[in-house]
Amino acid sequence: MKSARGPFRFDGVSVLIESDVRDFIDTAAQRYGGLDVAFNNAGITIQKPLHEYTADEFDRVLNTNLRGTFLAMKYEVPHLIRSGGGTIVVTASSNALATDSSRAAYTASKRGLVGLVQSAALDYASYGIRVNALVPGTTDTDLVRNASPIGHLPDDAYQVAMKQWAQSNVPGIPLPHGRAAGHRRRKNRARLMLGSDELGASAKVPSTAFVSWRVAIPCGREISWEIVDFE
């Protein structure tokens, strides 16, 4: 954003506090003259077998990932309606489609986001608001490294270990560019594409697109879709 010389500002808020979410969105819309695109990305994970979660731990993951996104969308939508339409992008996860052990809370929250997006897309298509879920696979982010037992390794060793893991766990390996985990820059390109006018036609129908690095999975009714490759 600095290189593009666009105006920007960072304000830290907690998605757990409804009044903070509302005030943040209202202030942003007022400062920049409205809202056209909203990207909801806040998320955490706590990994352990289901029976070992405390109720507070389970609630913390669900309230951050799912309820926090609900609150954001609740206060984004009125601004988008006033703007005559726009786009909401939500980060879900491939865990919403297929998961692993010790991810009960995270998976429940991300699968809940898929349902939230599907329903919201139908709610607001007639207003010209497009609602999409980004469903990334394993991506080299701080959240993934912090949740990984090998995340403490130096970068070179981490990449080698991830490649070895991916050979047995990720269809399509070896990947282009020799990386086992998707790079965050590819995810950023997906976010920008979903939020841009390039997909404006899909706002004309009640639709959602769940985009991974290699495939868009159609959900909802009467939609057209295409395979998307962000490599």
Protein backbone atom coordinates (compact mmCIF):
# COMPACT_ATOMS: atom_id res chain seq x y z
CA MET A 1 0.00 0.00 0.00
CA LYS A 2 2.90 2.33 0.69
CA SER A 3 4.36 1.65 -2.74
CA ALA A 4 0.98 2.38 -4.32
CA ARG A 5 0.81 5.59 -2.28
CA GLY A 6 -2.74 4.84 -1.25
CA PRO A 7 -4.16 6.15 2.02
CA PHE A 8 -4.23 3.56 4.76
CA ARG A 9 -4.40 3.32 8.52
CA PHE A 10 -4.03 0.53 11.06
CA ASP A 11 -6.34 0.38 14.06
CA GLY A 12 -6.19 -2.60 16.40
CA VAL A 13 -9.55 -3.89 17.68
CA SER A 14 -10.83 -7.10 19.22
CA VAL A 15 -13.39 -9.02 17.17
CA LEU A 16 -14.62 -10.43 20.49
CA ILE A 17 -16.10 -7.08 21.50
CA GLU A 18 -19.18 -6.10 19.48
CA SER A 19 -18.99 -2.37 20.17
CA ASP A 20 -15.33 -2.30 19.05
CA VAL A 21 -16.17 -4.06 15.78
CA ARG A 22 -19.09 -1.72 15.10
CA ASP A 23 -17.12 1.43 15.88
CA PHE A 24 -14.14 0.29 13.80
CA ILE A 25 -16.28 -0.33 10.71
CA ASP A 26 -18.33 2.85 11.14
CA THR A 27 -15.17 4.92 11.59
CA ALA A 28 -13.50 3.41 8.51
CA ALA A 29 -16.58 4.04 6.37
CA GLN A 30 -16.81 7.62 7.59
CA ARG A 31 -13.10 8.29 7.10
CA TYR A 32 -12.98 6.99 3.53
CA GLY A 33 -16.44 7.99 2.36
CA GLY A 34 -18.09 4.59 2.42
CA LEU A 35 -17.30 0.89 2.15
CA ASP A 36 -16.80 -1.08 -1.06
CA VAL A 37 -14.80 -4.17 -0.01
CA ALA A 38 -14.52 -5.90 3.36
CA PHE A 39 -11.99 -8.62 4.13
CA ASN A 40 -12.61 -10.65 7.29
CA ASN A 41 -9.51 -12.59 8.23
CA ALA A 42 -9.23 -12.73 12.04
CA GLY A 43 -8.58 -16.24 13.26
CA ILE A 44 -6.85 -18.35 15.90
CA THR A 45 -6.41 -22.04 16.61
CA ILE A 46 -5.92 -24.20 19.68
CA GLN A 47 -5.02 -27.80 18.87
CA LYS A 48 -5.66 -30.71 21.20
CA PRO A 49 -7.99 -33.74 21.38
CA LEU A 50 -11.62 -32.68 21.80
CA HIS A 51 -12.06 -33.86 25.39
CA GLU A 52 -9.00 -31.86 26.50
CA TYR A 53 -10.45 -28.48 25.49
CA THR A 54 -11.81 -26.38 28.29
CA ALA A 55 -15.11 -24.72 27.49
CA ASP A 56 -13.32 -21.37 27.55
CA GLU A 57 -10.75 -22.54 24.98
CA PHE A 58 -13.42 -23.87 22.66
CA ASP A 59 -15.44 -20.68 23.02
CA ARG A 60 -12.38 -18.53 22.35
CA VAL A 61 -11.75 -20.19 18.98
CA LEU A 62 -15.42 -20.13 17.93
CA ASN A 63 -15.96 -16.58 19.16
CA THR A 64 -12.89 -15.29 17.33
CA ASN A 65 -13.22 -17.15 14.06
CA LEU A 66 -16.99 -17.49 13.61
CA ARG A 67 -18.75 -15.01 15.87
CA GLY A 68 -16.13 -12.34 15.11
CA THR A 69 -16.80 -12.70 11.38
CA PHE A 70 -20.55 -12.59 11.98
CA LEU A 71 -20.16 -9.31 13.89
CA ALA A 72 -17.98 -7.82 11.18
CA MET A 73 -20.42 -8.76 8.43
CA LYS A 74 -23.37 -7.54 10.49
CA TYR A 75 -21.94 -4.01 10.56
CA GLU A 76 -20.33 -4.08 7.09
CA VAL A 77 -23.50 -4.96 5.21
CA PRO A 78 -25.44 -1.71 5.92
CA HIS A 79 -22.52 0.34 4.58
CA LEU A 80 -22.28 -1.83 1.47
CA ILE A 81 -26.02 -1.47 0.87
CA ARG A 82 -25.68 2.30 1.11
CA SER A 83 -22.79 2.13 -1.36
CA GLY A 84 -24.98 0.32 -3.87
CA GLY A 85 -23.18 -3.01 -3.52
CA GLY A 86 -19.72 -4.36 -2.92
CA THR A 87 -17.78 -7.41 -1.84
CA ILE A 88 -17.18 -9.32 1.37
CA VAL A 89 -14.30 -11.82 1.46
CA VAL A 90 -13.99 -14.27 4.36
CA THR A 91 -11.00 -16.49 5.09
CA ALA A 92 -12.23 -20.01 5.84
CA SER A 93 -9.88 -23.01 5.55
CA SER A 94 -9.46 -26.30 3.76
CA ASN A 95 -10.20 -27.77 7.20
CA ALA A 96 -13.82 -26.86 6.48
CA LEU A 97 -13.79 -29.55 3.79
CA ALA A 98 -11.35 -32.15 5.17
CA THR A 99 -9.58 -31.95 8.52
CA ASP A 100 -7.26 -33.79 10.87
CA SER A 101 -7.07 -34.78 14.52
CA SER A 102 -6.85 -32.21 17.32
CA ARG A 103 -8.64 -29.53 15.29
CA ALA A 104 -12.22 -29.83 16.54
CA ALA A 105 -12.65 -26.17 17.50
CA TYR A 106 -10.85 -24.76 14.47
CA THR A 107 -12.68 -27.05 12.05
CA ALA A 108 -16.07 -26.31 13.58
CA SER A 109 -15.43 -22.58 13.27
CA LYS A 110 -14.22 -22.76 9.66
CA ARG A 111 -17.02 -25.06 8.53
CA GLY A 112 -19.40 -22.65 10.22
CA LEU A 113 -17.91 -19.83 8.15
CA VAL A 114 -18.70 -21.73 4.94
CA GLY A 115 -22.35 -21.94 5.97
CA LEU A 116 -22.35 -18.30 7.04
CA VAL A 117 -21.02 -17.21 3.64
CA GLN A 118 -23.43 -19.40 1.70
CA SER A 119 -26.44 -17.98 3.50
CA ALA A 120 -25.23 -14.37 3.43
CA ALA A 121 -24.55 -14.60 -0.31
CA LEU A 122 -28.21 -15.47 -0.82
CA ASP A 123 -29.36 -12.77 1.60
CA TYR A 124 -27.61 -9.91 -0.17
CA ALA A 125 -27.21 -10.86 -3.85
CA SER A 126 -30.18 -8.66 -4.75
CA TYR A 127 -28.31 -5.68 -3.25
CA GLY A 128 -25.33 -6.27 -5.53
CA ILE A 129 -23.23 -7.58 -2.65
CA ARG A 130 -20.99 -10.55 -3.45
CA VAL A 131 -19.93 -12.75 -0.52
CA ASN A 132 -17.06 -15.21 -1.05
CA ALA A 133 -15.07 -17.58 1.13
CA LEU A 134 -11.37 -18.11 0.54
CA VAL A 135 -10.47 -21.71 1.40
CA PRO A 136 -6.66 -21.91 1.45
CA GLY A 137 -4.75 -25.10 1.99
CA THR A 138 -1.59 -25.30 4.06
CA THR A 139 0.02 -21.87 3.73
CA ASP A 140 3.28 -20.62 5.18
CA THR A 141 1.88 -18.22 7.78
CA ASP A 142 2.65 -17.50 11.42
CA LEU A 143 -0.55 -19.27 12.50
CA VAL A 144 0.44 -22.46 10.67
CA ARG A 145 4.01 -22.38 11.97
CA ASN A 146 2.92 -21.70 15.55
CA ALA A 147 0.52 -24.65 15.42
CA SER A 148 3.13 -26.98 13.92
CA PRO A 149 5.47 -29.12 16.04
CA ILE A 150 8.25 -28.18 13.61
CA GLY A 151 7.42 -24.50 13.48
CA HIS A 152 10.41 -23.61 15.65
CA LEU A 153 12.89 -24.85 13.06
CA PRO A 154 14.96 -22.41 10.98
CA ASP A 155 13.30 -21.53 7.69
CA ASP A 156 15.45 -23.78 5.48
CA ALA A 157 14.92 -26.80 7.75
CA TYR A 158 11.20 -26.03 8.03
CA GLN A 159 10.80 -25.97 4.24
CA VAL A 160 12.61 -29.31 3.89
CA ALA A 161 10.43 -30.91 6.57
CA MET A 162 7.27 -29.52 4.97
CA LYS A 163 8.23 -30.93 1.59
CA GLN A 164 8.75 -34.35 3.14
CA TRP A 165 5.37 -34.12 4.90
CA ALA A 166 3.63 -32.95 1.74
CA GLN A 167 4.89 -35.89 -0.32
CA SER A 168 2.60 -38.15 1.71
CA ASN A 169 -0.21 -35.75 2.58
CA VAL A 170 -0.89 -33.32 -0.28
CA PRO A 171 -2.27 -34.47 -3.66
CA GLY A 172 -0.34 -33.10 -6.62
CA ILE A 173 3.10 -33.03 -5.01
CA PRO A 174 5.67 -32.06 -6.16
CA LEU A 175 4.31 -28.52 -6.45
CA PRO A 176 5.66 -25.86 -8.79
CA HIS A 177 8.47 -23.70 -7.41
CA GLY A 178 9.48 -26.52 -5.04
CA ARG A 179 7.32 -25.30 -2.14
CA ALA A 180 5.20 -27.70 -0.11
CA ALA A 181 3.13 -24.97 1.53
CA GLY A 182 1.38 -22.23 -0.35
CA HIS A 183 3.05 -18.84 -0.09
CA ARG A 184 1.10 -16.05 1.59
CA ARG A 185 1.62 -13.88 -1.51
CA ARG A 186 -0.56 -16.30 -3.49
CA LYS A 187 -3.24 -16.06 -0.85
CA ASN A 188 -3.06 -12.27 -1.05
CA ARG A 189 -3.58 -12.42 -4.82
CA ALA A 190 -6.65 -14.58 -4.28
CA ARG A 191 -8.03 -12.06 -1.77
CA LEU A 192 -7.50 -9.18 -4.17
CA MET A 193 -9.10 -11.06 -7.03
CA LEU A 194 -12.17 -11.99 -4.97
CA GLY A 195 -12.55 -8.40 -3.82
CA SER A 196 -12.15 -6.85 -7.26
CA ASP A 197 -14.64 -5.92 -9.94
CA GLU A 198 -13.23 -8.71 -12.11
CA LEU A 199 -15.78 -11.05 -10.50
CA GLY A 200 -18.56 -8.49 -10.60
CA ALA A 201 -20.79 -10.67 -12.77
CA SER A 202 -21.26 -13.20 -9.99
CA ALA A 203 -22.97 -10.51 -7.90
CA LYS A 204 -25.93 -10.81 -10.27
CA VAL A 205 -26.85 -14.24 -8.93
CA PRO A 206 -27.01 -15.70 -5.41
CA SER A 207 -23.66 -17.42 -5.44
CA THR A 208 -20.55 -18.18 -3.49
CA ALA A 209 -17.16 -19.29 -4.70
CA PHE A 210 -14.87 -21.24 -2.45
CA VAL A 211 -11.43 -20.69 -3.87
CA SER A 212 -8.35 -22.73 -3.11
CA TRP A 213 -5.05 -22.63 -4.95
CA ARG A 214 -6.29 -24.99 -7.62
CA VAL A 215 -10.05 -25.32 -7.57
CA ALA A 216 -13.20 -23.31 -7.03
CA ILE A 217 -15.99 -25.41 -5.54
CA PRO A 218 -19.48 -24.17 -6.47
CA CYS A 219 -22.11 -23.88 -3.77
CA GLY A 220 -25.57 -22.34 -3.75
CA ARG A 221 -27.95 -22.24 -6.72
CA GLU A 222 -27.73 -21.38 -10.41
CA ILE A 223 -24.09 -20.41 -10.56
CA SER A 224 -21.37 -20.70 -13.09
CA TRP A 225 -17.82 -21.36 -11.98
CA GLU A 226 -14.36 -22.05 -13.27
CA ILE A 227 -11.18 -23.67 -12.04
CA VAL A 228 -8.82 -21.09 -10.61
CA ASP A 229 -5.07 -21.64 -10.31
CA PHE A 230 -3.06 -19.16 -8.30
CA GLU A 231 0.31 -20.79 -8.90
